[in-house]
PDB file of N, CA and C in Angstrom:
ATOM      1  N   UNK A   1       0.822  -1.187   0.000  1.00  0.00           N
ATOM      2  CA  UNK A   1       0.000   0.000   0.000  1.00  0.00           C
ATOM      3  C   UNK A   1       0.874   1.261   0.000  1.00  0.00           C
ATOM      4  N   UNK A   2       1.963   1.218   0.757  1.00  0.00           N
ATOM      5  CA  UNK A   2       2.850   2.374   0.839  1.00  0.00           C
ATOM      6  C   UNK A   2       3.472   2.670  -0.531  1.00  0.00           C
ATOM      7  N   UNK A   3       3.840   1.607  -1.278  1.00  0.00           N
ATOM      8  CA  UNK A   3       4.437   1.798  -2.604  1.00  0.00           C
ATOM      9  C   UNK A   3       3.433   2.431  -3.561  1.00  0.00           C
ATOM     10  N   UNK A   4       2.179   2.033  -3.442  1.00  0.00           N
ATOM     11  CA  UNK A   4       1.135   2.600  -4.284  1.00  0.00           C
ATOM     12  C   UNK A   4       0.970   4.094  -4.000  1.00  0.00           C
ATOM     13  N   UNK A   5       1.030   4.470  -2.751  1.00  0.00           N
ATOM     14  CA  UNK A   5       0.918   5.881  -2.373  1.00  0.00           C
ATOM     15  C   UNK A   5       2.077   6.678  -2.955  1.00  0.00           C
ATOM     16  N   UNK A   6       3.302   6.156  -2.834  1.00  0.00           N
ATOM     17  CA  UNK A   6       4.466   6.848  -3.389  1.00  0.00           C
ATOM     18  C   UNK A   6       4.369   6.962  -4.913  1.00  0.00           C
ATOM     19  N   UNK A   7       3.889   5.914  -5.546  1.00  0.00           N
ATOM     20  CA  UNK A   7       3.738   5.937  -7.002  1.00  0.00           C
ATOM     21  C   UNK A   7       2.731   7.010  -7.412  1.00  0.00           C
ATOM     22  N   UNK A   8       1.638   7.115  -6.684  1.00  0.00           N
ATOM     23  CA  UNK A   8       0.623   8.123  -6.986  1.00  0.00           C
ATOM     24  C   UNK A   8       1.183   9.529  -6.799  1.00  0.00           C
ATOM     25  N   UNK A   9       1.929   9.746  -5.748  1.00  0.00           N
ATOM     26  CA  UNK A   9       2.531  11.059  -5.494  1.00  0.00           C
ATOM     27  C   UNK A   9       3.523  11.405  -6.603  1.00  0.00           C
ATOM     28  N   UNK A  10       4.331  10.430  -7.002  1.00  0.00           N
ATOM     29  CA  UNK A  10       5.301  10.649  -8.072  1.00  0.00           C
ATOM     30  C   UNK A  10       4.593  11.014  -9.375  1.00  0.00           C
ATOM     31  N   UNK A  11       3.535  10.279  -9.711  1.00  0.00           N
ATOM     32  CA  UNK A  11       2.797  10.523 -10.942  1.00  0.00           C
ATOM     33  C   UNK A  11       2.173  11.911 -10.934  1.00  0.00           C
ATOM     34  N   UNK A  12       1.558  12.297  -9.834  1.00  0.00           N
ATOM     35  CA  UNK A  12       0.954  13.626  -9.746  1.00  0.00           C
ATOM     36  C   UNK A  12       2.008  14.721  -9.873  1.00  0.00           C
ATOM     37  N   UNK A  13       3.164  14.508  -9.275  1.00  0.00           N
ATOM     38  CA  UNK A  13       4.251  15.477  -9.392  1.00  0.00           C
ATOM     39  C   UNK A  13       4.723  15.620 -10.826  1.00  0.00           C
ATOM     40  N   UNK A  14       4.865  14.499 -11.512  1.00  0.00           N
ATOM     41  CA  UNK A  14       5.309  14.530 -12.907  1.00  0.00           C
ATOM     42  C   UNK A  14       4.293  15.249 -13.784  1.00  0.00           C
ATOM     43  N   UNK A  15       3.010  14.983 -13.574  1.00  0.00           N
ATOM     44  CA  UNK A  15       1.971  15.656 -14.352  1.00  0.00           C
ATOM     45  C   UNK A  15       1.961  17.152 -14.074  1.00  0.00           C
ATOM     46  N   UNK A  16       2.168  17.537 -12.838  1.00  0.00           N
ATOM     47  CA  UNK A  16       2.211  18.960 -12.490  1.00  0.00           C
ATOM     48  C   UNK A  16       3.375  19.653 -13.183  1.00  0.00           C
ATOM     49  N   UNK A  17       4.536  19.013 -13.203  1.00  0.00           N
ATOM     50  CA  UNK A  17       5.700  19.596 -13.868  1.00  0.00           C
ATOM     51  C   UNK A  17       5.465  19.737 -15.363  1.00  0.00           C
ATOM     52  N   UNK A  18       4.837  18.749 -15.972  1.00  0.00           N
ATOM     53  CA  UNK A  18       4.546  18.817 -17.403  1.00  0.00           C
ATOM     54  C   UNK A  18       3.602  19.972 -17.696  1.00  0.00           C
ATOM     55  N   UNK A  19       2.615  20.160 -16.858  1.00  0.00           N
ATOM     56  CA  UNK A  19       1.668  21.255 -17.027  1.00  0.00           C
ATOM     57  C   UNK A  19       2.355  22.603 -16.884  1.00  0.00           C
ATOM     58  N   UNK A  20       3.211  22.740 -15.904  1.00  0.00           N
ATOM     59  CA  UNK A  20       3.941  23.988 -15.686  1.00  0.00           C
ATOM     60  C   UNK A  20       4.857  24.272 -16.865  1.00  0.00           C
ATOM     61  N   UNK A  21       5.544  23.258 -17.355  1.00  0.00           N
ATOM     62  CA  UNK A  21       6.455  23.447 -18.487  1.00  0.00           C
ATOM     63  C   UNK A  21       5.693  23.938 -19.708  1.00  0.00           C
ATOM     64  N   UNK A  22       4.524  23.354 -19.975  1.00  0.00           N
ATOM     65  CA  UNK A  22       3.715  23.780 -21.107  1.00  0.00           C
ATOM     66  C   UNK A  22       3.249  25.208 -20.920  1.00  0.00           C
ATOM     67  N   UNK A  23       2.761  25.550 -19.738  1.00  0.00           N
ATOM     68  CA  UNK A  23       2.297  26.907 -19.471  1.00  0.00           C
ATOM     69  C   UNK A  23       3.429  27.908 -19.622  1.00  0.00           C
ATOM     70  N   UNK A  24       4.620  27.561 -19.138  1.00  0.00           N
ATOM     71  CA  UNK A  24       5.747  28.476 -19.235  1.00  0.00           C
ATOM     72  C   UNK A  24       6.146  28.701 -20.686  1.00  0.00           C
ATOM     73  N   UNK A  25       6.082  27.667 -21.502  1.00  0.00           N
ATOM     74  CA  UNK A  25       6.402  27.818 -22.918  1.00  0.00           C
ATOM     75  C   UNK A  25       5.471  28.835 -23.550  1.00  0.00           C
ATOM     76  N   UNK A  26       4.190  28.726 -23.254  1.00  0.00           N
ATOM     77  CA  UNK A  26       3.220  29.634 -23.840  1.00  0.00           C
ATOM     78  C   UNK A  26       3.328  31.027 -23.238  1.00  0.00           C
ATOM     79  N   UNK A  27       3.641  31.131 -21.960  1.00  0.00           N
ATOM     80  CA  UNK A  27       3.783  32.431 -21.321  1.00  0.00           C
ATOM     81  C   UNK A  27       4.977  33.190 -21.876  1.00  0.00           C
ATOM     82  N   UNK A  28       6.074  32.485 -22.176  1.00  0.00           N
ATOM     83  CA  UNK A  28       7.253  33.158 -22.717  1.00  0.00           C
ATOM     84  C   UNK A  28       6.902  33.877 -24.007  1.00  0.00           C
ATOM     85  N   UNK A  29       6.025  33.269 -24.794  1.00  0.00           N
ATOM     86  CA  UNK A  29       5.596  33.891 -26.037  1.00  0.00           C
ATOM     87  C   UNK A  29       4.427  34.832 -25.831  1.00  0.00           C
ATOM     88  N   UNK A  30       3.894  34.896 -24.620  1.00  0.00           N
ATOM     89  CA  UNK A  30       2.771  35.758 -24.279  1.00  0.00           C
ATOM     90  C   UNK A  30       1.576  35.530 -25.198  1.00  0.00           C
ATOM     91  N   UNK A  31       1.326  34.294 -25.530  1.00  0.00           N
ATOM     92  CA  UNK A  31       0.192  33.971 -26.388  1.00  0.00           C
ATOM     93  C   UNK A  31      -1.071  33.807 -25.547  1.00  0.00           C
ATOM     94  N   UNK A  32      -2.150  34.493 -25.917  1.00  0.00           N
ATOM     95  CA  UNK A  32      -3.415  34.345 -25.190  1.00  0.00           C
ATOM     96  C   UNK A  32      -4.123  33.064 -25.648  1.00  0.00           C
ATOM     97  N   UNK A  33      -3.778  31.963 -25.042  1.00  0.00           N
ATOM     98  CA  UNK A  33      -4.267  30.664 -25.502  1.00  0.00           C
ATOM     99  C   UNK A  33      -5.787  30.575 -25.511  1.00  0.00           C
ATOM    100  N   UNK A  34      -6.445  31.265 -24.600  1.00  0.00           N
ATOM    101  CA  UNK A  34      -7.906  31.232 -24.574  1.00  0.00           C
ATOM    102  C   UNK A  34      -8.496  31.870 -25.827  1.00  0.00           C
ATOM    103  N   UNK A  35      -7.937  32.991 -26.257  1.00  0.00           N
ATOM    104  CA  UNK A  35      -8.440  33.684 -27.451  1.00  0.00           C
ATOM    105  C   UNK A  35      -8.097  32.920 -28.728  1.00  0.00           C
ATOM    106  N   UNK A  36      -6.884  32.386 -28.787  1.00  0.00           N
ATOM    107  CA  UNK A  36      -6.482  31.605 -29.959  1.00  0.00           C
ATOM    108  C   UNK A  36      -7.404  30.404 -30.114  1.00  0.00           C
ATOM    109  N   UNK A  37      -7.622  29.692 -29.024  1.00  0.00           N
ATOM    110  CA  UNK A  37      -8.490  28.510 -29.064  1.00  0.00           C
ATOM    111  C   UNK A  37      -9.906  28.886 -29.482  1.00  0.00           C
ATOM    112  N   UNK A  38     -10.422  29.989 -28.949  1.00  0.00           N
ATOM    113  CA  UNK A  38     -11.779  30.421 -29.305  1.00  0.00           C
ATOM    114  C   UNK A  38     -11.869  30.730 -30.798  1.00  0.00           C
ATOM    115  N   UNK A  39     -10.854  31.414 -31.343  1.00  0.00           N
ATOM    116  CA  UNK A  39     -10.857  31.744 -32.766  1.00  0.00           C
ATOM    117  C   UNK A  39     -10.741  30.505 -33.648  1.00  0.00           C
ATOM    118  N   UNK A  40     -10.125  29.456 -33.114  1.00  0.00           N
ATOM    119  CA  UNK A  40      -9.996  28.195 -33.864  1.00  0.00           C
ATOM    120  C   UNK A  40     -11.161  27.249 -33.586  1.00  0.00           C
ATOM    121  N   UNK A  41     -12.054  27.667 -32.698  1.00  0.00           N
ATOM    122  CA  UNK A  41     -13.226  26.869 -32.324  1.00  0.00           C
ATOM    123  C   UNK A  41     -12.831  25.504 -31.749  1.00  0.00           C
ATOM    124  N   UNK A  42     -11.877  25.548 -30.818  1.00  0.00           N
ATOM    125  CA  UNK A  42     -11.439  24.347 -30.109  1.00  0.00           C
ATOM    126  C   UNK A  42     -11.291  24.693 -28.629  1.00  0.00           C
ATOM    127  N   UNK A  43     -11.302  23.699 -27.747  1.00  0.00           N
ATOM    128  CA  UNK A  43     -11.052  23.978 -26.330  1.00  0.00           C
ATOM    129  C   UNK A  43      -9.610  24.460 -26.115  1.00  0.00           C
ATOM    130  N   UNK A  44      -9.436  25.343 -25.151  1.00  0.00           N
ATOM    131  CA  UNK A  44      -8.098  25.858 -24.847  1.00  0.00           C
ATOM    132  C   UNK A  44      -7.134  24.731 -24.498  1.00  0.00           C
ATOM    133  N   UNK A  45      -7.621  23.722 -23.784  1.00  0.00           N
ATOM    134  CA  UNK A  45      -6.746  22.610 -23.398  1.00  0.00           C
ATOM    135  C   UNK A  45      -6.189  21.888 -24.619  1.00  0.00           C
ATOM    136  N   UNK A  46      -6.980  21.805 -25.674  1.00  0.00           N
ATOM    137  CA  UNK A  46      -6.513  21.158 -26.905  1.00  0.00           C
ATOM    138  C   UNK A  46      -5.399  21.989 -27.536  1.00  0.00           C
ATOM    139  N   UNK A  47      -5.587  23.308 -27.595  1.00  0.00           N
ATOM    140  CA  UNK A  47      -4.538  24.153 -28.170  1.00  0.00           C
ATOM    141  C   UNK A  47      -3.246  24.028 -27.375  1.00  0.00           C
ATOM    142  N   UNK A  48      -3.353  24.097 -26.066  1.00  0.00           N
ATOM    143  CA  UNK A  48      -2.161  24.010 -25.211  1.00  0.00           C
ATOM    144  C   UNK A  48      -1.453  22.677 -25.424  1.00  0.00           C
ATOM    145  N   UNK A  49      -2.218  21.598 -25.480  1.00  0.00           N
ATOM    146  CA  UNK A  49      -1.624  20.270 -25.675  1.00  0.00           C
ATOM    147  C   UNK A  49      -0.948  20.174 -27.047  1.00  0.00           C
ATOM    148  N   UNK A  50      -1.620  20.643 -28.089  1.00  0.00           N
ATOM    149  CA  UNK A  50      -1.035  20.592 -29.432  1.00  0.00           C
ATOM    150  C   UNK A  50       0.222  21.451 -29.522  1.00  0.00           C
ATOM    151  N   UNK A  51       0.196  22.612 -28.878  1.00  0.00           N
ATOM    152  CA  UNK A  51       1.328  23.534 -28.941  1.00  0.00           C
ATOM    153  C   UNK A  51       2.510  23.045 -28.115  1.00  0.00           C
ATOM    154  N   UNK A  52       2.287  22.124 -27.208  1.00  0.00           N
ATOM    155  CA  UNK A  52       3.361  21.692 -26.305  1.00  0.00           C
ATOM    156  C   UNK A  52       4.534  21.037 -27.038  1.00  0.00           C
ATOM    157  N   UNK A  53       4.295  20.489 -28.225  1.00  0.00           N
ATOM    158  CA  UNK A  53       5.371  19.853 -28.989  1.00  0.00           C
ATOM    159  C   UNK A  53       6.044  20.801 -29.984  1.00  0.00           C
ATOM    160  N   UNK A  54       5.541  22.022 -30.081  1.00  0.00           N
ATOM    161  CA  UNK A  54       6.107  23.012 -30.996  1.00  0.00           C
ATOM    162  C   UNK A  54       7.288  23.699 -30.322  1.00  0.00           C
ATOM    163  N   UNK A  55       8.336  23.944 -31.079  1.00  0.00           N
ATOM    164  CA  UNK A  55       9.531  24.596 -30.550  1.00  0.00           C
ATOM    165  C   UNK A  55       9.653  26.001 -31.143  1.00  0.00           C
ATOM    166  N   UNK A  56       9.059  27.008 -30.487  1.00  0.00           N
ATOM    167  CA  UNK A  56       9.149  28.373 -31.015  1.00  0.00           C
ATOM    168  C   UNK A  56      10.598  28.862 -31.053  1.00  0.00           C
ATOM    169  N   UNK A  57      10.889  29.697 -32.023  1.00  0.00           N
ATOM    170  CA  UNK A  57      12.228  30.266 -32.154  1.00  0.00           C
ATOM    171  C   UNK A  57      12.431  31.343 -31.094  1.00  0.00           C
ATOM    172  N   UNK A  58      13.543  31.283 -30.390  1.00  0.00           N
ATOM    173  CA  UNK A  58      13.811  32.252 -29.309  1.00  0.00           C
ATOM    174  C   UNK A  58      13.887  33.684 -29.823  1.00  0.00           C
ATOM    175  N   UNK A  59      14.375  33.864 -31.029  1.00  0.00           N
ATOM    176  CA  UNK A  59      14.535  35.210 -31.589  1.00  0.00           C
ATOM    177  C   UNK A  59      13.300  35.675 -32.350  1.00  0.00           C
ATOM    178  N   UNK A  60      12.249  34.866 -32.340  1.00  0.00           N
ATOM    179  CA  UNK A  60      11.005  35.186 -33.054  1.00  0.00           C
ATOM    180  C   UNK A  60      11.249  35.377 -34.545  1.00  0.00           C
ATOM    181  N   UNK A  61      12.256  34.714 -35.072  1.00  0.00           N
ATOM    182  CA  UNK A  61      12.586  34.834 -36.481  1.00  0.00           C
ATOM    183  C   UNK A  61      12.994  33.467 -37.028  1.00  0.00           C
ATOM    184  N   UNK A  62      12.065  32.499 -36.997  1.00  0.00           N
ATOM    185  CA  UNK A  62      12.433  31.150 -37.431  1.00  0.00           C
ATOM    186  C   UNK A  62      12.665  31.082 -38.938  1.00  0.00           C
ATOM    187  N   UNK A  63      13.512  30.174 -39.326  1.00  0.00           N
ATOM    188  CA  UNK A  63      13.742  29.939 -40.753  1.00  0.00           C
ATOM    189  C   UNK A  63      12.475  29.339 -41.351  1.00  0.00           C
ATOM    190  N   UNK A  64      12.409  29.348 -42.654  1.00  0.00           N
ATOM    191  CA  UNK A  64      11.268  28.737 -43.326  1.00  0.00           C
ATOM    192  C   UNK A  64      11.134  27.265 -42.973  1.00  0.00           C
ATOM    193  N   UNK A  65      12.270  26.584 -42.868  1.00  0.00           N
ATOM    194  CA  UNK A  65      12.251  25.158 -42.517  1.00  0.00           C
ATOM    195  C   UNK A  65      11.691  24.956 -41.110  1.00  0.00           C
ATOM    196  N   UNK A  66      12.075  25.826 -40.185  1.00  0.00           N
ATOM    197  CA  UNK A  66      11.585  25.724 -38.808  1.00  0.00           C
ATOM    198  C   UNK A  66      10.082  26.007 -38.754  1.00  0.00           C
ATOM    199  N   UNK A  67       9.626  26.997 -39.514  1.00  0.00           N
ATOM    200  CA  UNK A  67       8.199  27.302 -39.572  1.00  0.00           C
ATOM    201  C   UNK A  67       7.413  26.091 -40.076  1.00  0.00           C
ATOM    202  N   UNK A  68       7.909  25.474 -41.145  1.00  0.00           N
ATOM    203  CA  UNK A  68       7.214  24.316 -41.717  1.00  0.00           C
ATOM    204  C   UNK A  68       7.224  23.125 -40.764  1.00  0.00           C
ATOM    205  N   UNK A  69       8.338  22.929 -40.066  1.00  0.00           N
ATOM    206  CA  UNK A  69       8.430  21.817 -39.110  1.00  0.00           C
ATOM    207  C   UNK A  69       7.438  22.008 -37.963  1.00  0.00           C
ATOM    208  N   UNK A  70       7.352  23.219 -37.443  1.00  0.00           N
ATOM    209  CA  UNK A  70       6.396  23.491 -36.369  1.00  0.00           C
ATOM    210  C   UNK A  70       4.959  23.335 -36.851  1.00  0.00           C
ATOM    211  N   UNK A  71       4.689  23.819 -38.059  1.00  0.00           N
ATOM    212  CA  UNK A  71       3.333  23.712 -38.611  1.00  0.00           C
ATOM    213  C   UNK A  71       2.962  22.249 -38.839  1.00  0.00           C
ATOM    214  N   UNK A  72       3.932  21.428 -39.238  1.00  0.00           N
ATOM    215  CA  UNK A  72       3.677  20.002 -39.463  1.00  0.00           C
ATOM    216  C   UNK A  72       3.283  19.292 -38.171  1.00  0.00           C
ATOM    217  N   UNK A  73       3.698  19.837 -37.041  1.00  0.00           N
ATOM    218  CA  UNK A  73       3.316  19.283 -35.739  1.00  0.00           C
ATOM    219  C   UNK A  73       1.963  19.840 -35.307  1.00  0.00           C
ATOM    220  N   UNK A  74       1.818  21.149 -35.401  1.00  0.00           N
ATOM    221  CA  UNK A  74       0.656  21.831 -34.836  1.00  0.00           C
ATOM    222  C   UNK A  74      -0.630  21.618 -35.631  1.00  0.00           C
ATOM    223  N   UNK A  75      -0.583  21.802 -36.931  1.00  0.00           N
ATOM    224  CA  UNK A  75      -1.807  21.778 -37.736  1.00  0.00           C
ATOM    225  C   UNK A  75      -2.563  20.449 -37.667  1.00  0.00           C
ATOM    226  N   UNK A  76      -1.925  19.301 -37.879  1.00  0.00           N
ATOM    227  CA  UNK A  76      -2.681  18.040 -37.801  1.00  0.00           C
ATOM    228  C   UNK A  76      -3.286  17.792 -36.415  1.00  0.00           C
ATOM    229  N   UNK A  77      -2.582  18.203 -35.390  1.00  0.00           N
ATOM    230  CA  UNK A  77      -3.090  18.029 -34.029  1.00  0.00           C
ATOM    231  C   UNK A  77      -4.364  18.853 -33.834  1.00  0.00           C
ATOM    232  N   UNK A  78      -4.343  20.102 -34.284  1.00  0.00           N
ATOM    233  CA  UNK A  78      -5.522  20.960 -34.164  1.00  0.00           C
ATOM    234  C   UNK A  78      -6.668  20.453 -35.034  1.00  0.00           C
ATOM    235  N   UNK A  79      -6.339  19.982 -36.233  1.00  0.00           N
ATOM    236  CA  UNK A  79      -7.365  19.480 -37.149  1.00  0.00           C
ATOM    237  C   UNK A  79      -8.042  18.219 -36.628  1.00  0.00           C
ATOM    238  N   UNK A  80      -7.367  17.476 -35.773  1.00  0.00           N
ATOM    239  CA  UNK A  80      -7.997  16.292 -35.177  1.00  0.00           C
ATOM    240  C   UNK A  80      -9.194  16.708 -34.322  1.00  0.00           C
ATOM    241  N   UNK A  81      -9.128  17.894 -33.740  1.00  0.00           N
ATOM    242  CA  UNK A  81     -10.234  18.425 -32.937  1.00  0.00           C
ATOM    243  C   UNK A  81     -11.244  19.176 -33.803  1.00  0.00           C
ATOM    244  N   UNK A  82     -10.749  19.919 -34.787  1.00  0.00           N
ATOM    245  CA  UNK A  82     -11.616  20.702 -35.665  1.00  0.00           C
ATOM    246  C   UNK A  82     -11.076  20.623 -37.092  1.00  0.00           C
ATOM    247  N   UNK A  83     -11.634  19.720 -37.908  1.00  0.00           N
ATOM    248  CA  UNK A  83     -11.141  19.530 -39.277  1.00  0.00           C
ATOM    249  C   UNK A  83     -11.278  20.770 -40.162  1.00  0.00           C
ATOM    250  N   UNK A  84     -12.044  21.769 -39.729  1.00  0.00           N
ATOM    251  CA  UNK A  84     -12.220  22.982 -40.528  1.00  0.00           C
ATOM    252  C   UNK A  84     -11.041  23.951 -40.407  1.00  0.00           C
ATOM    253  N   UNK A  85     -10.095  23.658 -39.530  1.00  0.00           N
ATOM    254  CA  UNK A  85      -8.913  24.520 -39.393  1.00  0.00           C
ATOM    255  C   UNK A  85      -8.008  24.293 -40.600  1.00  0.00           C
ATOM    256  N   UNK A  86      -7.755  25.362 -41.321  1.00  0.00           N
ATOM    257  CA  UNK A  86      -6.867  25.303 -42.486  1.00  0.00           C
ATOM    258  C   UNK A  86      -5.532  25.962 -42.147  1.00  0.00           C
ATOM    259  N   UNK A  87      -4.575  25.766 -43.012  1.00  0.00           N
ATOM    260  CA  UNK A  87      -3.281  26.414 -42.848  1.00  0.00           C
ATOM    261  C   UNK A  87      -3.456  27.935 -42.806  1.00  0.00           C
ATOM    262  N   UNK A  88      -4.273  28.443 -43.706  1.00  0.00           N
ATOM    263  CA  UNK A  88      -4.509  29.892 -43.770  1.00  0.00           C
ATOM    264  C   UNK A  88      -5.160  30.411 -42.489  1.00  0.00           C
ATOM    265  N   UNK A  89      -6.186  29.711 -41.989  1.00  0.00           N
ATOM    266  CA  UNK A  89      -6.853  30.135 -40.754  1.00  0.00           C
ATOM    267  C   UNK A  89      -5.870  30.128 -39.585  1.00  0.00           C
ATOM    268  N   UNK A  90      -5.080  29.075 -39.482  1.00  0.00           N
ATOM    269  CA  UNK A  90      -4.106  28.999 -38.394  1.00  0.00           C
ATOM    270  C   UNK A  90      -3.121  30.166 -38.467  1.00  0.00           C
ATOM    271  N   UNK A  91      -2.624  30.477 -39.667  1.00  0.00           N
ATOM    272  CA  UNK A  91      -1.713  31.615 -39.827  1.00  0.00           C
ATOM    273  C   UNK A  91      -2.380  32.923 -39.406  1.00  0.00           C
ATOM    274  N   UNK A  92      -3.625  33.132 -39.847  1.00  0.00           N
ATOM    275  CA  UNK A  92      -4.337  34.369 -39.518  1.00  0.00           C
ATOM    276  C   UNK A  92      -4.523  34.523 -38.012  1.00  0.00           C
ATOM    277  N   UNK A  93      -4.935  33.453 -37.365  1.00  0.00           N
ATOM    278  CA  UNK A  93      -5.184  33.512 -35.924  1.00  0.00           C
ATOM    279  C   UNK A  93      -3.879  33.713 -35.161  1.00  0.00           C
ATOM    280  N   UNK A  94      -2.853  32.955 -35.501  1.00  0.00           N
ATOM    281  CA  UNK A  94      -1.585  33.084 -34.788  1.00  0.00           C
ATOM    282  C   UNK A  94      -0.976  34.474 -35.003  1.00  0.00           C
ATOM    283  N   UNK A  95      -1.081  35.009 -36.224  1.00  0.00           N
ATOM    284  CA  UNK A  95      -0.566  36.355 -36.485  1.00  0.00           C
ATOM    285  C   UNK A  95      -1.319  37.407 -35.671  1.00  0.00           C
ATOM    286  N   UNK A  96      -2.607  37.212 -35.511  1.00  0.00           N
ATOM    287  CA  UNK A  96      -3.435  38.157 -34.758  1.00  0.00           C
ATOM    288  C   UNK A  96      -2.944  38.309 -33.317  1.00  0.00           C
ATOM    289  N   UNK A  97      -2.462  37.229 -32.739  1.00  0.00           N
ATOM    290  CA  UNK A  97      -2.085  37.242 -31.325  1.00  0.00           C
ATOM    291  C   UNK A  97      -0.579  37.146 -31.083  1.00  0.00           C
ATOM    292  N   UNK A  98       0.215  37.177 -32.134  1.00  0.00           N
ATOM    293  CA  UNK A  98       1.666  37.087 -31.978  1.00  0.00           C
ATOM    294  C   UNK A  98       2.180  38.406 -31.404  1.00  0.00           C
ATOM    295  N   UNK A  99       2.846  38.364 -30.234  1.00  0.00           N
ATOM    296  CA  UNK A  99       3.286  39.602 -29.577  1.00  0.00           C
ATOM    297  C   UNK A  99       4.199  40.475 -30.441  1.00  0.00           C
ATOM    298  N   UNK A 100       5.016  39.843 -31.262  1.00  0.00           N
ATOM    299  CA  UNK A 100       5.968  40.604 -32.069  1.00  0.00           C
ATOM    300  C   UNK A 100       5.414  40.989 -33.434  1.00  0.00           C
ATOM    301  N   UNK A 101       4.137  40.706 -33.676  1.00  0.00           N
ATOM    302  CA  UNK A 101       3.507  41.048 -34.939  1.00  0.00           C
ATOM    303  C   UNK A 101       3.468  39.862 -35.882  1.00  0.00           C
ATOM    304  N   UNK A 102       2.849  40.044 -37.055  1.00  0.00           N
ATOM    305  CA  UNK A 102       2.698  38.941 -38.007  1.00  0.00           C
ATOM    306  C   UNK A 102       4.028  38.321 -38.412  1.00  0.00           C
ATOM    307  N   UNK A 103       3.977  37.016 -38.639  1.00  0.00           N
ATOM    308  CA  UNK A 103       5.162  36.248 -39.036  1.00  0.00           C
ATOM    309  C   UNK A 103       5.423  36.462 -40.520  1.00  0.00           C
ATOM    310  N   UNK A 104       6.696  36.590 -40.844  1.00  0.00           N
ATOM    311  CA  UNK A 104       7.053  36.646 -42.263  1.00  0.00           C
ATOM    312  C   UNK A 104       6.889  35.243 -42.833  1.00  0.00           C
ATOM    313  N   UNK A 105       6.502  35.136 -44.046  1.00  0.00           N
ATOM    314  CA  UNK A 105       6.320  33.833 -44.697  1.00  0.00           C
ATOM    315  C   UNK A 105       7.513  33.559 -45.597  1.00  0.00           C
ATOM    316  N   UNK A 106       7.987  32.301 -45.549  1.00  0.00           N
ATOM    317  CA  UNK A 106       9.073  31.943 -46.463  1.00  0.00           C
ATOM    318  C   UNK A 106       8.777  30.637 -47.122  1.00  0.00           C
TER     319      UNK A 106
END
């Protein structure tokens, strides 16, 4: 019984750290996840989960290859929740809320 309790505590701690790491990633970019999710017509939790595997560029100036790699991760994940999300819609919504302004396209 004691081992089960320790396992549960460990699991809850790991989940909490994962949640904090995801939130910090989004906070660094100052993205309003609630508004982005609403504009994409998906739950905020889905956006946060899909975005957790994306690696934003620290200088806010990713190469075209980096942009495409991130989009290849993010778009299919979002479309699993809402198939009406297109590449164009995702770009429009993300540009609307990007703190540094619209992304250059390459």
